[in-house]
Structures are given as C-alpha cells and as structure tokens.
Amino acid sequence: MIEASATPFDALVAIAWSRVWSSVVPPPLFAAAWQALDLPEDQTLRETQFFSTFHTGFPSPQVPLLLHVALNRPGDSVRMDFLRAMSHLNVKAGDHMLPPDHLAVACEIMASALTADEPVIVQAICERYLAPWCDASIDRLAAGNRDLLEIVLDFQAFVLGLAETGTPAALSSEDGAVDPRHSAHQ
C-alpha cells in the first residue's frame, strides 16, 4: 500500500506560489519555484517585467501584493484576519518577515492550512482575499503583458480550485490531459 505524503501536493504548490510572490526569497528558490509552476521561461519576463510589475514599479507596483492595498480595504482588519489564521495554525514569522497580508504570506498560510486539513480556513482566505486579488490583478493587467496576465490566470485557477472544496480539483489542459500543477491527487 502506498502511504500518502505528510505534506499534500497542493501545499507544495502553495509554497511554490509563495516563493514566486515573495520579494525576500533567495533567487535560486525563486527560480526553482518559477520552474516548478511551469511559468514562462523568458528570463527578461521573469527578472525584469515580473519584478517591476509586482514588486517595485514607480511610484508603486502596478499590481500590489499587499492584499489590503490591492483590494482597497482597511489594512488593520485584513492583517488581523491573517494573524488570527497564523495563530490558529501555529505559523511563525521567519527571519525575513513580510507584512501579514502580503500575497506570499497568504500562500504560506494556505499551505499550512492544507497540511493541517483546515478546509474552512482555505476556503475563507480564497474567497475573501485571493480570488478578489486575482480579479483585481487581471483588471490591472488586461491591457498589458499577456505573459504576466497568464501567470495571474494560472494562480487564479489554483485558487478557484481550492475555494471549491478546500482542495483543488484536477484541471485539464487544452488537450484534455490532467494538469499536475492543479491536481489534488499527486
């Protein structure tokens, strides 16, 4: 009999997304996560356009990764929601701390909730924060770089799958094959 992994595949996908969205992850971990998620191999896109759109931008990023900014909500209440989830899941801040309502932190919380089999937390974060962030980001990127839009659409597919049941349903590619990036059963 094959024993299931202690860390579900979906949690690993959430960690990979966390590394992609984080500005404090070392470049080798960022590159490995980018590759694992099968994002475009264009180095200019990855190292210049992606960072200027989501991390730096002037005077601010085109697509903010702070959820309260992107969703135009009060920062204190959004941060408190994430701090409560972190406390419940016993998630501790690391050496390089991002704000609690940063998209990368939300992905790490999702990974912890998936591992702890907490579908209510997964569903709540997806529905209240991640799906609306995807919608807002798609609107901001609609007239821009198609590859950046595709990255957000890939993330949205993962999030919507999680929001359905607390674990993502297998999504099919155009040829009908199951896409392992979004499969709950790896």
C-alpha atoms as a PDB file:
ATOM      1  CA  MET A   1       0.000   0.000   0.000  1.00  0.00           C
ATOM      2  CA  ILE A   2       1.273   3.483  -0.891  1.00  0.00           C
ATOM      3  CA  GLU A   3       1.188   5.871   2.015  1.00  0.00           C
ATOM      4  CA  ALA A   4       0.119   9.486   1.429  1.00  0.00           C
ATOM      5  CA  SER A   5       2.708  12.201   1.894  1.00  0.00           C
ATOM      6  CA  ALA A   6       2.591  14.184   5.149  1.00  0.00           C
ATOM      7  CA  THR A   7       2.598  17.365   3.065  1.00  0.00           C
ATOM      8  CA  PRO A   8      -0.100  17.354   0.374  1.00  0.00           C
ATOM      9  CA  PHE A   9       0.922  18.219  -3.166  1.00  0.00           C
ATOM     10  CA  ASP A  10      -1.391  21.245  -3.025  1.00  0.00           C
ATOM     11  CA  ALA A  11       0.530  22.624  -0.057  1.00  0.00           C
ATOM     12  CA  LEU A  12       3.737  22.330  -2.070  1.00  0.00           C
ATOM     13  CA  VAL A  13       2.104  24.218  -4.934  1.00  0.00           C
ATOM     14  CA  ALA A  14       1.022  26.936  -2.464  1.00  0.00           C
ATOM     15  CA  ILE A  15       4.617  27.167  -1.190  1.00  0.00           C
ATOM     16  CA  ALA A  16       5.879  27.481  -4.771  1.00  0.00           C
ATOM     17  CA  TRP A  17       3.436  30.342  -5.365  1.00  0.00           C
ATOM     18  CA  SER A  18       4.583  31.919  -2.102  1.00  0.00           C
ATOM     19  CA  ARG A  19       8.166  31.881  -3.347  1.00  0.00           C
ATOM     20  CA  VAL A  20       7.173  33.436  -6.650  1.00  0.00           C
ATOM     21  CA  TRP A  21       5.226  36.277  -4.999  1.00  0.00           C
ATOM     22  CA  SER A  22       7.820  36.959  -2.276  1.00  0.00           C
ATOM     23  CA  SER A  23      10.416  39.702  -2.616  1.00  0.00           C
ATOM     24  CA  VAL A  24      12.642  38.200   0.100  1.00  0.00           C
ATOM     25  CA  VAL A  25      13.120  34.663  -1.240  1.00  0.00           C
ATOM     26  CA  PRO A  26      16.685  33.958  -2.422  1.00  0.00           C
ATOM     27  CA  PRO A  27      16.971  33.959  -6.238  1.00  0.00           C
ATOM     28  CA  PRO A  28      17.695  30.197  -6.536  1.00  0.00           C
ATOM     29  CA  LEU A  29      14.491  29.338  -4.608  1.00  0.00           C
ATOM     30  CA  PHE A  30      12.513  31.856  -6.662  1.00  0.00           C
ATOM     31  CA  ALA A  31      13.844  30.339  -9.911  1.00  0.00           C
ATOM     32  CA  ALA A  32      13.101  26.791  -8.734  1.00  0.00           C
ATOM     33  CA  ALA A  33       9.520  27.725  -7.797  1.00  0.00           C
ATOM     34  CA  TRP A  34       9.049  29.522 -11.114  1.00  0.00           C
ATOM     35  CA  GLN A  35      10.198  26.423 -12.963  1.00  0.00           C
ATOM     36  CA  ALA A  36       8.137  24.040 -10.791  1.00  0.00           C
ATOM     37  CA  LEU A  37       4.988  26.034 -11.609  1.00  0.00           C
ATOM     38  CA  ASP A  38       5.905  25.830 -15.296  1.00  0.00           C
ATOM     39  CA  LEU A  39       5.790  29.604 -15.728  1.00  0.00           C
ATOM     40  CA  PRO A  40       7.231  31.182 -18.910  1.00  0.00           C
ATOM     41  CA  GLU A  41      10.945  30.587 -19.373  1.00  0.00           C
ATOM     42  CA  ASP A  42      11.563  34.120 -20.657  1.00  0.00           C
ATOM     43  CA  GLN A  43      14.374  35.459 -18.451  1.00  0.00           C
ATOM     44  CA  THR A  44      13.533  39.109 -19.185  1.00  0.00           C
ATOM     45  CA  LEU A  45       9.937  38.492 -18.223  1.00  0.00           C
ATOM     46  CA  ARG A  46      10.968  36.727 -15.017  1.00  0.00           C
ATOM     47  CA  GLU A  47      13.766  39.027 -13.879  1.00  0.00           C
ATOM     48  CA  THR A  48      12.593  42.411 -15.122  1.00  0.00           C
ATOM     49  CA  GLN A  49       8.937  42.679 -16.103  1.00  0.00           C
ATOM     50  CA  PHE A  50       7.612  40.439 -13.311  1.00  0.00           C
ATOM     51  CA  PHE A  51       9.548  42.297 -10.600  1.00  0.00           C
ATOM     52  CA  SER A  52       8.707  45.759 -11.902  1.00  0.00           C
ATOM     53  CA  THR A  53       5.006  44.865 -12.181  1.00  0.00           C
ATOM     54  CA  PHE A  54       4.559  43.116  -8.835  1.00  0.00           C
ATOM     55  CA  HIS A  55       7.431  44.179  -6.561  1.00  0.00           C
ATOM     56  CA  THR A  56       8.931  47.537  -7.420  1.00  0.00           C
ATOM     57  CA  GLY A  57       7.241  49.769 -10.002  1.00  0.00           C
ATOM     58  CA  PHE A  58       7.310  53.529  -9.636  1.00  0.00           C
ATOM     59  CA  PRO A  59       5.780  55.134  -7.650  1.00  0.00           C
ATOM     60  CA  SER A  60       4.264  51.789  -6.640  1.00  0.00           C
ATOM     61  CA  PRO A  61       3.852  48.377  -8.288  1.00  0.00           C
ATOM     62  CA  GLN A  62       1.199  48.152 -10.992  1.00  0.00           C
ATOM     63  CA  VAL A  63      -0.210  45.111  -9.174  1.00  0.00           C
ATOM     64  CA  PRO A  64       0.230  45.401  -5.394  1.00  0.00           C
ATOM     65  CA  LEU A  65       0.979  42.242  -3.439  1.00  0.00           C
ATOM     66  CA  LEU A  66      -0.320  43.719  -0.190  1.00  0.00           C
ATOM     67  CA  LEU A  67      -3.872  42.434  -0.154  1.00  0.00           C
ATOM     68  CA  HIS A  68      -5.367  45.426   1.668  1.00  0.00           C
ATOM     69  CA  VAL A  69      -3.900  47.789  -0.940  1.00  0.00           C
ATOM     70  CA  ALA A  70      -4.937  45.684  -3.926  1.00  0.00           C
ATOM     71  CA  LEU A  71      -8.454  45.238  -2.574  1.00  0.00           C
ATOM     72  CA  ASN A  72      -8.797  48.783  -1.174  1.00  0.00           C
ATOM     73  CA  ARG A  73      -9.644  47.553   2.328  1.00  0.00           C
ATOM     74  CA  PRO A  74      -8.531  48.760   5.767  1.00  0.00           C
ATOM     75  CA  GLY A  75      -5.080  47.291   6.431  1.00  0.00           C
ATOM     76  CA  ASP A  76      -5.574  46.620  10.126  1.00  0.00           C
ATOM     77  CA  SER A  77      -8.611  44.357   9.692  1.00  0.00           C
ATOM     78  CA  VAL A  78      -7.025  42.425   6.817  1.00  0.00           C
ATOM     79  CA  ARG A  79      -3.794  41.930   8.767  1.00  0.00           C
ATOM     80  CA  MET A  80      -5.755  40.775  11.832  1.00  0.00           C
ATOM     81  CA  ASP A  81      -7.528  38.112   9.772  1.00  0.00           C
ATOM     82  CA  PHE A  82      -4.188  36.710   8.680  1.00  0.00           C
ATOM     83  CA  LEU A  83      -2.618  36.980  12.139  1.00  0.00           C
ATOM     84  CA  ARG A  84      -5.563  35.025  13.583  1.00  0.00           C
ATOM     85  CA  ALA A  85      -5.136  32.318  10.947  1.00  0.00           C
ATOM     86  CA  MET A  86      -1.391  32.209  11.611  1.00  0.00           C
ATOM     87  CA  SER A  87      -2.002  31.866  15.337  1.00  0.00           C
ATOM     88  CA  HIS A  88      -4.555  29.086  14.866  1.00  0.00           C
ATOM     89  CA  LEU A  89      -2.193  27.193  12.534  1.00  0.00           C
ATOM     90  CA  ASN A  90       0.836  27.922  14.726  1.00  0.00           C
ATOM     91  CA  VAL A  91       2.645  29.616  11.817  1.00  0.00           C
ATOM     92  CA  LYS A  92       5.623  31.672  12.980  1.00  0.00           C
ATOM     93  CA  ALA A  93       7.315  34.519  11.125  1.00  0.00           C
ATOM     94  CA  GLY A  94      10.706  33.765   9.622  1.00  0.00           C
ATOM     95  CA  ASP A  95      13.882  35.822   9.561  1.00  0.00           C
ATOM     96  CA  HIS A  96      12.723  37.959   6.621  1.00  0.00           C
ATOM     97  CA  MET A  97       9.237  38.987   7.585  1.00  0.00           C
ATOM     98  CA  LEU A  98       6.752  40.312   5.060  1.00  0.00           C
ATOM     99  CA  PRO A  99       3.547  42.048   6.201  1.00  0.00           C
ATOM    100  CA  PRO A 100       0.900  39.511   7.298  1.00  0.00           C
ATOM    101  CA  ASP A 101      -1.397  40.472   4.411  1.00  0.00           C
ATOM    102  CA  HIS A 102       1.250  40.054   1.709  1.00  0.00           C
ATOM    103  CA  LEU A 103       0.242  37.590  -1.009  1.00  0.00           C
ATOM    104  CA  ALA A 104       3.317  35.427  -0.344  1.00  0.00           C
ATOM    105  CA  VAL A 105       2.373  35.121   3.341  1.00  0.00           C
ATOM    106  CA  ALA A 106      -1.216  34.275   2.384  1.00  0.00           C
ATOM    107  CA  CYS A 107       0.129  31.436   0.219  1.00  0.00           C
ATOM    108  CA  GLU A 108       2.224  30.130   3.122  1.00  0.00           C
ATOM    109  CA  ILE A 109      -0.827  30.244   5.389  1.00  0.00           C
ATOM    110  CA  MET A 110      -2.748  28.345   2.723  1.00  0.00           C
ATOM    111  CA  ALA A 111      -0.010  25.695   2.616  1.00  0.00           C
ATOM    112  CA  SER A 112      -0.188  25.331   6.403  1.00  0.00           C
ATOM    113  CA  ALA A 113      -3.995  25.121   6.331  1.00  0.00           C
ATOM    114  CA  LEU A 114      -3.860  22.459   3.606  1.00  0.00           C
ATOM    115  CA  THR A 115      -1.316  20.443   5.578  1.00  0.00           C
ATOM    116  CA  ALA A 116      -3.364  20.790   8.785  1.00  0.00           C
ATOM    117  CA  ASP A 117      -6.541  19.761   6.921  1.00  0.00           C
ATOM    118  CA  GLU A 118      -8.305  23.053   7.666  1.00  0.00           C
ATOM    119  CA  PRO A 119     -10.641  23.480   4.663  1.00  0.00           C
ATOM    120  CA  VAL A 120     -12.629  26.291   6.312  1.00  0.00           C
ATOM    121  CA  ILE A 121      -9.502  28.462   6.537  1.00  0.00           C
ATOM    122  CA  VAL A 122      -8.540  27.571   2.970  1.00  0.00           C
ATOM    123  CA  GLN A 123     -11.982  28.444   1.650  1.00  0.00           C
ATOM    124  CA  ALA A 124     -12.258  31.678   3.641  1.00  0.00           C
ATOM    125  CA  ILE A 125      -8.873  33.015   2.519  1.00  0.00           C
ATOM    126  CA  CYS A 126      -9.540  32.039  -1.091  1.00  0.00           C
ATOM    127  CA  GLU A 127     -12.987  33.614  -1.203  1.00  0.00           C
ATOM    128  CA  ARG A 128     -12.287  36.753   0.845  1.00  0.00           C
ATOM    129  CA  TYR A 129      -8.813  37.616  -0.371  1.00  0.00           C
ATOM    130  CA  LEU A 130      -7.114  35.519  -3.038  1.00  0.00           C
ATOM    131  CA  ALA A 131      -9.919  35.288  -5.623  1.00  0.00           C
ATOM    132  CA  PRO A 132     -10.672  39.036  -5.329  1.00  0.00           C
ATOM    133  CA  TRP A 133      -6.914  39.775  -5.619  1.00  0.00           C
ATOM    134  CA  CYS A 134      -6.834  37.708  -8.822  1.00  0.00           C
ATOM    135  CA  ASP A 135      -9.834  39.596 -10.225  1.00  0.00           C
ATOM    136  CA  ALA A 136      -8.300  42.987  -9.384  1.00  0.00           C
ATOM    137  CA  SER A 137      -4.935  41.926 -10.816  1.00  0.00           C
ATOM    138  CA  ILE A 138      -6.499  40.662 -14.043  1.00  0.00           C
ATOM    139  CA  ASP A 139      -8.231  44.030 -14.443  1.00  0.00           C
ATOM    140  CA  ARG A 140      -4.929  45.879 -13.909  1.00  0.00           C
ATOM    141  CA  LEU A 141      -3.077  43.640 -16.375  1.00  0.00           C
ATOM    142  CA  ALA A 142      -5.800  43.413 -19.042  1.00  0.00           C
ATOM    143  CA  ALA A 143      -4.137  45.864 -21.427  1.00  0.00           C
ATOM    144  CA  GLY A 144      -0.573  44.879 -20.518  1.00  0.00           C
ATOM    145  CA  ASN A 145       1.828  41.996 -20.903  1.00  0.00           C
ATOM    146  CA  ARG A 146      -0.036  38.804 -21.837  1.00  0.00           C
ATOM    147  CA  ASP A 147       2.558  36.562 -20.146  1.00  0.00           C
ATOM    148  CA  LEU A 148       2.104  38.365 -16.816  1.00  0.00           C
ATOM    149  CA  LEU A 149      -1.648  38.032 -17.196  1.00  0.00           C
ATOM    150  CA  GLU A 150      -1.225  34.285 -17.830  1.00  0.00           C
ATOM    151  CA  ILE A 151       0.750  33.952 -14.583  1.00  0.00           C
ATOM    152  CA  VAL A 152      -2.119  35.522 -12.646  1.00  0.00           C
ATOM    153  CA  LEU A 153      -4.614  33.323 -14.511  1.00  0.00           C
ATOM    154  CA  ASP A 154      -2.595  30.217 -13.519  1.00  0.00           C
ATOM    155  CA  PHE A 155      -2.640  31.372  -9.902  1.00  0.00           C
ATOM    156  CA  GLN A 156      -6.366  32.109 -10.167  1.00  0.00           C
ATOM    157  CA  ALA A 157      -7.042  28.563 -11.433  1.00  0.00           C
ATOM    158  CA  PHE A 158      -5.233  27.159  -8.402  1.00  0.00           C
ATOM    159  CA  VAL A 159      -7.101  29.489  -6.022  1.00  0.00           C
ATOM    160  CA  LEU A 160     -10.522  28.786  -7.522  1.00  0.00           C
ATOM    161  CA  GLY A 161      -9.876  25.071  -7.286  1.00  0.00           C
ATOM    162  CA  LEU A 162      -9.032  25.473  -3.612  1.00  0.00           C
ATOM    163  CA  ALA A 163     -12.075  27.667  -2.983  1.00  0.00           C
ATOM    164  CA  GLU A 164     -14.404  24.981  -4.312  1.00  0.00           C
ATOM    165  CA  THR A 165     -13.691  22.358  -1.678  1.00  0.00           C
ATOM    166  CA  GLY A 166     -10.648  23.379   0.302  1.00  0.00           C
ATOM    167  CA  THR A 167      -8.522  21.341  -2.105  1.00  0.00           C
ATOM    168  CA  PRO A 168      -8.144  21.986  -5.825  1.00  0.00           C
ATOM    169  CA  ALA A 169      -9.900  19.827  -8.362  1.00  0.00           C
ATOM    170  CA  ALA A 170      -7.776  18.488 -11.191  1.00  0.00           C
ATOM    171  CA  LEU A 171      -7.906  20.974 -14.033  1.00  0.00           C
ATOM    172  CA  SER A 172      -7.490  19.853 -17.601  1.00  0.00           C
ATOM    173  CA  SER A 173      -5.176  21.347 -20.166  1.00  0.00           C
ATOM    174  CA  GLU A 174      -6.361  22.180 -23.676  1.00  0.00           C
ATOM    175  CA  ASP A 175      -5.563  18.637 -24.893  1.00  0.00           C
ATOM    176  CA  GLY A 176      -7.657  17.096 -22.096  1.00  0.00           C
ATOM    177  CA  ALA A 177      -4.685  15.847 -20.052  1.00  0.00           C
ATOM    178  CA  VAL A 178      -4.714  16.498 -16.338  1.00  0.00           C
ATOM    179  CA  ASP A 179      -2.518  19.453 -15.425  1.00  0.00           C
ATOM    180  CA  PRO A 180      -0.407  18.357 -12.411  1.00  0.00           C
ATOM    181  CA  ARG A 181       0.060  21.937 -11.236  1.00  0.00           C
ATOM    182  CA  HIS A 182      -3.573  21.940 -10.182  1.00  0.00           C
ATOM    183  CA  SER A 183      -4.189  18.335  -9.180  1.00  0.00           C
ATOM    184  CA  ALA A 184      -5.195  17.454  -5.664  1.00  0.00           C
ATOM    185  CA  HIS A 185      -4.007  13.875  -6.098  1.00  0.00           C
ATOM    186  CA  GLN A 186      -0.305  13.667  -6.907  1.00  0.00           C
END
